[in-house]
């Protein structure tokens, strides 16, 4: 039952991944070049910025026992 559930959820997660990254890229490209005179970014640059922000601002939690 679990593999069927994974294959049912996987397309949704992939679509969510692309939607969030695309939304971040769009927001960056309509805001940052106008306000701070920065360059526009590509999809892959937006993905890397999201990953770095997630690591820096608490996206990775490690516990030591």
PDB file of N, CA and C in Angstrom:
ATOM      1  N   UNK A   1       0.815  -1.198   0.000  1.00  0.00           N
ATOM      2  CA  UNK A   1       0.000   0.000   0.000  1.00  0.00           C
ATOM      3  C   UNK A   1       0.859   1.263   0.000  1.00  0.00           C
ATOM      4  N   UNK A   2       1.978   1.222   0.693  1.00  0.00           N
ATOM      5  CA  UNK A   2       2.845   2.396   0.781  1.00  0.00           C
ATOM      6  C   UNK A   2       3.415   2.815  -0.573  1.00  0.00           C
ATOM      7  N   UNK A   3       3.928   1.895  -1.415  1.00  0.00           N
ATOM      8  CA  UNK A   3       4.444   2.338  -2.720  1.00  0.00           C
ATOM      9  C   UNK A   3       3.379   3.004  -3.590  1.00  0.00           C
ATOM     10  N   UNK A   4       2.142   2.545  -3.503  1.00  0.00           N
ATOM     11  CA  UNK A   4       1.068   3.165  -4.278  1.00  0.00           C
ATOM     12  C   UNK A   4       0.835   4.592  -3.794  1.00  0.00           C
ATOM     13  N   UNK A   5       0.881   4.793  -2.500  1.00  0.00           N
ATOM     14  CA  UNK A   5       0.684   6.126  -1.934  1.00  0.00           C
ATOM     15  C   UNK A   5       1.824   7.059  -2.340  1.00  0.00           C
ATOM     16  N   UNK A   6       3.046   6.543  -2.369  1.00  0.00           N
ATOM     17  CA  UNK A   6       4.194   7.358  -2.776  1.00  0.00           C
ATOM     18  C   UNK A   6       4.043   7.805  -4.223  1.00  0.00           C
ATOM     19  N   UNK A   7       3.628   6.886  -5.101  1.00  0.00           N
ATOM     20  CA  UNK A   7       3.463   7.243  -6.507  1.00  0.00           C
ATOM     21  C   UNK A   7       2.272   8.170  -6.724  1.00  0.00           C
ATOM     22  N   UNK A   8       1.321   8.175  -5.808  1.00  0.00           N
ATOM     23  CA  UNK A   8       0.191   9.094  -5.921  1.00  0.00           C
ATOM     24  C   UNK A   8       0.584  10.500  -5.470  1.00  0.00           C
ATOM     25  N   UNK A   9       1.478  10.602  -4.497  1.00  0.00           N
ATOM     26  CA  UNK A   9       1.866  11.896  -3.940  1.00  0.00           C
ATOM     27  C   UNK A   9       3.030  12.513  -4.706  1.00  0.00           C
ATOM     28  N   UNK A  10       3.862  11.706  -5.311  1.00  0.00           N
ATOM     29  CA  UNK A  10       5.070  12.191  -5.983  1.00  0.00           C
ATOM     30  C   UNK A  10       4.795  13.258  -7.046  1.00  0.00           C
ATOM     31  N   UNK A  11       3.822  13.082  -7.952  1.00  0.00           N
ATOM     32  CA  UNK A  11       3.576  14.152  -8.933  1.00  0.00           C
ATOM     33  C   UNK A  11       3.160  15.473  -8.286  1.00  0.00           C
ATOM     34  N   UNK A  12       2.398  15.397  -7.201  1.00  0.00           N
ATOM     35  CA  UNK A  12       2.005  16.613  -6.491  1.00  0.00           C
ATOM     36  C   UNK A  12       3.222  17.315  -5.906  1.00  0.00           C
ATOM     37  N   UNK A  13       4.142  16.557  -5.315  1.00  0.00           N
ATOM     38  CA  UNK A  13       5.340  17.153  -4.722  1.00  0.00           C
ATOM     39  C   UNK A  13       6.244  17.776  -5.778  1.00  0.00           C
ATOM     40  N   UNK A  14       6.363  17.125  -6.927  1.00  0.00           N
ATOM     41  CA  UNK A  14       7.175  17.675  -8.017  1.00  0.00           C
ATOM     42  C   UNK A  14       6.550  18.977  -8.528  1.00  0.00           C
ATOM     43  N   UNK A  15       5.224  18.980  -8.690  1.00  0.00           N
ATOM     44  CA  UNK A  15       4.541  20.195  -9.141  1.00  0.00           C
ATOM     45  C   UNK A  15       4.684  21.315  -8.115  1.00  0.00           C
ATOM     46  N   UNK A  16       4.593  20.981  -6.840  1.00  0.00           N
ATOM     47  CA  UNK A  16       4.765  21.974  -5.781  1.00  0.00           C
ATOM     48  C   UNK A  16       6.178  22.545  -5.782  1.00  0.00           C
ATOM     49  N   UNK A  17       7.168  21.682  -5.993  1.00  0.00           N
ATOM     50  CA  UNK A  17       8.570  22.096  -6.076  1.00  0.00           C
ATOM     51  C   UNK A  17       8.758  23.132  -7.179  1.00  0.00           C
ATOM     52  N   UNK A  18       8.244  22.846  -8.376  1.00  0.00           N
ATOM     53  CA  UNK A  18       8.389  23.776  -9.490  1.00  0.00           C
ATOM     54  C   UNK A  18       7.578  25.052  -9.269  1.00  0.00           C
ATOM     55  N   UNK A  19       6.405  24.937  -8.661  1.00  0.00           N
ATOM     56  CA  UNK A  19       5.565  26.111  -8.427  1.00  0.00           C
ATOM     57  C   UNK A  19       6.201  27.067  -7.420  1.00  0.00           C
ATOM     58  N   UNK A  20       6.737  26.536  -6.330  1.00  0.00           N
ATOM     59  CA  UNK A  20       7.354  27.393  -5.311  1.00  0.00           C
ATOM     60  C   UNK A  20       8.598  28.070  -5.865  1.00  0.00           C
ATOM     61  N   UNK A  21       9.417  27.310  -6.588  1.00  0.00           N
ATOM     62  CA  UNK A  21      10.627  27.892  -7.167  1.00  0.00           C
ATOM     63  C   UNK A  21      10.276  28.943  -8.219  1.00  0.00           C
ATOM     64  N   UNK A  22       9.284  28.650  -9.045  1.00  0.00           N
ATOM     65  CA  UNK A  22       8.847  29.615 -10.056  1.00  0.00           C
ATOM     66  C   UNK A  22       8.263  30.875  -9.445  1.00  0.00           C
ATOM     67  N   UNK A  23       7.507  30.721  -8.364  1.00  0.00           N
ATOM     68  CA  UNK A  23       6.948  31.878  -7.671  1.00  0.00           C
ATOM     69  C   UNK A  23       8.056  32.741  -7.078  1.00  0.00           C
ATOM     70  N   UNK A  24       9.050  32.095  -6.469  1.00  0.00           N
ATOM     71  CA  UNK A  24      10.179  32.844  -5.912  1.00  0.00           C
ATOM     72  C   UNK A  24      10.929  33.591  -7.011  1.00  0.00           C
ATOM     73  N   UNK A  25      11.161  32.930  -8.145  1.00  0.00           N
ATOM     74  CA  UNK A  25      11.856  33.571  -9.262  1.00  0.00           C
ATOM     75  C   UNK A  25      11.053  34.774  -9.769  1.00  0.00           C
ATOM     76  N   UNK A  26       9.762  34.597  -9.916  1.00  0.00           N
ATOM     77  CA  UNK A  26       8.912  35.680 -10.404  1.00  0.00           C
ATOM     78  C   UNK A  26       8.931  36.870  -9.448  1.00  0.00           C
ATOM     79  N   UNK A  27       8.784  36.590  -8.145  1.00  0.00           N
ATOM     80  CA  UNK A  27       8.803  37.675  -7.162  1.00  0.00           C
ATOM     81  C   UNK A  27      10.145  38.395  -7.147  1.00  0.00           C
ATOM     82  N   UNK A  28      11.220  37.631  -7.255  1.00  0.00           N
ATOM     83  CA  UNK A  28      12.553  38.245  -7.300  1.00  0.00           C
ATOM     84  C   UNK A  28      12.662  39.157  -8.523  1.00  0.00           C
ATOM     85  N   UNK A  29      12.267  38.633  -9.683  1.00  0.00           N
ATOM     86  CA  UNK A  29      12.467  39.360 -10.933  1.00  0.00           C
ATOM     87  C   UNK A  29      11.574  40.589 -11.069  1.00  0.00           C
ATOM     88  N   UNK A  30      10.449  40.641 -10.345  1.00  0.00           N
ATOM     89  CA  UNK A  30       9.631  41.857 -10.421  1.00  0.00           C
ATOM     90  C   UNK A  30       9.990  42.855  -9.330  1.00  0.00           C
ATOM     91  N   UNK A  31      10.729  42.414  -8.301  1.00  0.00           N
ATOM     92  CA  UNK A  31      11.032  43.304  -7.179  1.00  0.00           C
ATOM     93  C   UNK A  31      12.479  43.771  -7.159  1.00  0.00           C
ATOM     94  N   UNK A  32      13.407  42.852  -7.133  1.00  0.00           N
ATOM     95  CA  UNK A  32      14.811  43.186  -6.876  1.00  0.00           C
ATOM     96  C   UNK A  32      15.465  44.049  -7.953  1.00  0.00           C
ATOM     97  N   UNK A  33      15.231  43.814  -9.239  1.00  0.00           N
ATOM     98  CA  UNK A  33      15.867  44.704 -10.228  1.00  0.00           C
ATOM     99  C   UNK A  33      15.400  46.155 -10.109  1.00  0.00           C
ATOM    100  N   UNK A  34      14.140  46.353  -9.745  1.00  0.00           N
ATOM    101  CA  UNK A  34      13.615  47.712  -9.613  1.00  0.00           C
ATOM    102  C   UNK A  34      14.101  48.393  -8.339  1.00  0.00           C
ATOM    103  N   UNK A  35      14.076  47.671  -7.233  1.00  0.00           N
ATOM    104  CA  UNK A  35      14.360  48.285  -5.936  1.00  0.00           C
ATOM    105  C   UNK A  35      15.856  48.416  -5.683  1.00  0.00           C
ATOM    106  N   UNK A  36      16.600  47.335  -5.952  1.00  0.00           N
ATOM    107  CA  UNK A  36      18.023  47.311  -5.598  1.00  0.00           C
ATOM    108  C   UNK A  36      18.957  47.284  -6.803  1.00  0.00           C
ATOM    109  N   UNK A  37      18.415  47.406  -8.006  1.00  0.00           N
ATOM    110  CA  UNK A  37      19.199  47.403  -9.237  1.00  0.00           C
ATOM    111  C   UNK A  37      20.027  46.122  -9.388  1.00  0.00           C
ATOM    112  N   UNK A  38      19.424  44.980  -9.018  1.00  0.00           N
ATOM    113  CA  UNK A  38      20.079  43.683  -9.175  1.00  0.00           C
ATOM    114  C   UNK A  38      19.650  43.046 -10.483  1.00  0.00           C
ATOM    115  N   UNK A  39      20.386  42.029 -10.905  1.00  0.00           N
ATOM    116  CA  UNK A  39      20.059  41.329 -12.143  1.00  0.00           C
ATOM    117  C   UNK A  39      18.890  40.378 -11.926  1.00  0.00           C
ATOM    118  N   UNK A  40      18.241  40.026 -13.031  1.00  0.00           N
ATOM    119  CA  UNK A  40      17.193  39.012 -13.000  1.00  0.00           C
ATOM    120  C   UNK A  40      17.842  37.646 -12.821  1.00  0.00           C
ATOM    121  N   UNK A  41      17.122  36.700 -12.236  1.00  0.00           N
ATOM    122  CA  UNK A  41      17.684  35.378 -11.994  1.00  0.00           C
ATOM    123  C   UNK A  41      16.931  34.331 -12.805  1.00  0.00           C
ATOM    124  N   UNK A  42      17.596  33.201 -13.029  1.00  0.00           N
ATOM    125  CA  UNK A  42      16.985  32.084 -13.733  1.00  0.00           C
ATOM    126  C   UNK A  42      16.305  31.162 -12.725  1.00  0.00           C
ATOM    127  N   UNK A  43      15.602  30.164 -13.238  1.00  0.00           N
ATOM    128  CA  UNK A  43      14.927  29.190 -12.380  1.00  0.00           C
ATOM    129  C   UNK A  43      15.919  28.478 -11.477  1.00  0.00           C
ATOM    130  N   UNK A  44      17.043  28.056 -12.026  1.00  0.00           N
ATOM    131  CA  UNK A  44      18.019  27.289 -11.243  1.00  0.00           C
ATOM    132  C   UNK A  44      18.719  28.160 -10.206  1.00  0.00           C
ATOM    133  N   UNK A  45      18.907  29.429 -10.510  1.00  0.00           N
ATOM    134  CA  UNK A  45      19.457  30.341  -9.513  1.00  0.00           C
ATOM    135  C   UNK A  45      18.457  30.564  -8.378  1.00  0.00           C
ATOM    136  N   UNK A  46      17.184  30.638  -8.712  1.00  0.00           N
ATOM    137  CA  UNK A  46      16.153  30.775  -7.683  1.00  0.00           C
ATOM    138  C   UNK A  46      16.126  29.545  -6.787  1.00  0.00           C
ATOM    139  N   UNK A  47      16.275  28.369  -7.378  1.00  0.00           N
ATOM    140  CA  UNK A  47      16.309  27.136  -6.593  1.00  0.00           C
ATOM    141  C   UNK A  47      17.487  27.143  -5.630  1.00  0.00           C
ATOM    142  N   UNK A  48      18.645  27.545  -6.111  1.00  0.00           N
ATOM    143  CA  UNK A  48      19.824  27.591  -5.236  1.00  0.00           C
ATOM    144  C   UNK A  48      19.650  28.600  -4.105  1.00  0.00           C
ATOM    145  N   UNK A  49      19.055  29.752  -4.397  1.00  0.00           N
ATOM    146  CA  UNK A  49      18.807  30.735  -3.338  1.00  0.00           C
ATOM    147  C   UNK A  49      17.845  30.191  -2.285  1.00  0.00           C
ATOM    148  N   UNK A  50      16.816  29.460  -2.714  1.00  0.00           N
ATOM    149  CA  UNK A  50      15.886  28.860  -1.761  1.00  0.00           C
ATOM    150  C   UNK A  50      16.575  27.816  -0.893  1.00  0.00           C
ATOM    151  N   UNK A  51      17.450  27.017  -1.492  1.00  0.00           N
ATOM    152  CA  UNK A  51      18.178  26.007  -0.719  1.00  0.00           C
ATOM    153  C   UNK A  51      19.106  26.658   0.301  1.00  0.00           C
ATOM    154  N   UNK A  52      19.823  27.688  -0.111  1.00  0.00           N
ATOM    155  CA  UNK A  52      20.726  28.385   0.808  1.00  0.00           C
ATOM    156  C   UNK A  52      19.932  29.039   1.940  1.00  0.00           C
ATOM    157  N   UNK A  53      18.816  29.675   1.612  1.00  0.00           N
ATOM    158  CA  UNK A  53      17.998  30.314   2.647  1.00  0.00           C
ATOM    159  C   UNK A  53      17.441  29.276   3.614  1.00  0.00           C
ATOM    160  N   UNK A  54      17.053  28.123   3.101  1.00  0.00           N
ATOM    161  CA  UNK A  54      16.553  27.067   3.971  1.00  0.00           C
ATOM    162  C   UNK A  54      17.607  26.559   4.928  1.00  0.00           C
ATOM    163  N   UNK A  55      18.818  26.430   4.455  1.00  0.00           N
ATOM    164  CA  UNK A  55      19.911  25.972   5.321  1.00  0.00           C
ATOM    165  C   UNK A  55      20.253  27.042   6.356  1.00  0.00           C
ATOM    166  N   UNK A  56      20.349  28.290   5.931  1.00  0.00           N
ATOM    167  CA  UNK A  56      20.753  29.365   6.838  1.00  0.00           C
ATOM    168  C   UNK A  56      19.694  29.716   7.880  1.00  0.00           C
ATOM    169  N   UNK A  57      18.434  29.616   7.526  1.00  0.00           N
ATOM    170  CA  UNK A  57      17.373  30.077   8.422  1.00  0.00           C
ATOM    171  C   UNK A  57      16.559  28.945   9.024  1.00  0.00           C
ATOM    172  N   UNK A  58      17.194  27.804   9.246  1.00  0.00           N
ATOM    173  CA  UNK A  58      16.550  26.766  10.035  1.00  0.00           C
ATOM    174  C   UNK A  58      15.898  25.643   9.268  1.00  0.00           C
ATOM    175  N   UNK A  59      16.218  25.461   8.017  1.00  0.00           N
ATOM    176  CA  UNK A  59      15.629  24.363   7.271  1.00  0.00           C
ATOM    177  C   UNK A  59      16.236  23.020   7.609  1.00  0.00           C
ATOM    178  N   UNK A  60      17.434  22.995   8.150  1.00  0.00           N
ATOM    179  CA  UNK A  60      18.103  21.741   8.492  1.00  0.00           C
ATOM    180  C   UNK A  60      18.255  21.670  10.008  1.00  0.00           C
ATOM    181  N   UNK A  61      17.564  20.733  10.624  1.00  0.00           N
ATOM    182  CA  UNK A  61      17.633  20.553  12.076  1.00  0.00           C
ATOM    183  C   UNK A  61      18.373  19.262  12.373  1.00  0.00           C
ATOM    184  N   UNK A  62      19.418  19.371  13.136  1.00  0.00           N
ATOM    185  CA  UNK A  62      20.191  18.199  13.525  1.00  0.00           C
ATOM    186  C   UNK A  62      20.173  18.091  15.040  1.00  0.00           C
ATOM    187  N   UNK A  63      19.979  16.893  15.542  1.00  0.00           N
ATOM    188  CA  UNK A  63      20.025  16.680  16.985  1.00  0.00           C
ATOM    189  C   UNK A  63      21.176  15.747  17.300  1.00  0.00           C
ATOM    190  N   UNK A  64      21.873  16.047  18.366  1.00  0.00           N
ATOM    191  CA  UNK A  64      22.988  15.223  18.812  1.00  0.00           C
ATOM    192  C   UNK A  64      22.568  14.492  20.077  1.00  0.00           C
ATOM    193  N   UNK A  65      22.710  13.186  20.063  1.00  0.00           N
ATOM    194  CA  UNK A  65      22.335  12.395  21.244  1.00  0.00           C
ATOM    195  C   UNK A  65      23.500  11.605  21.727  1.00  0.00           C
TER     196      UNK A  65
END
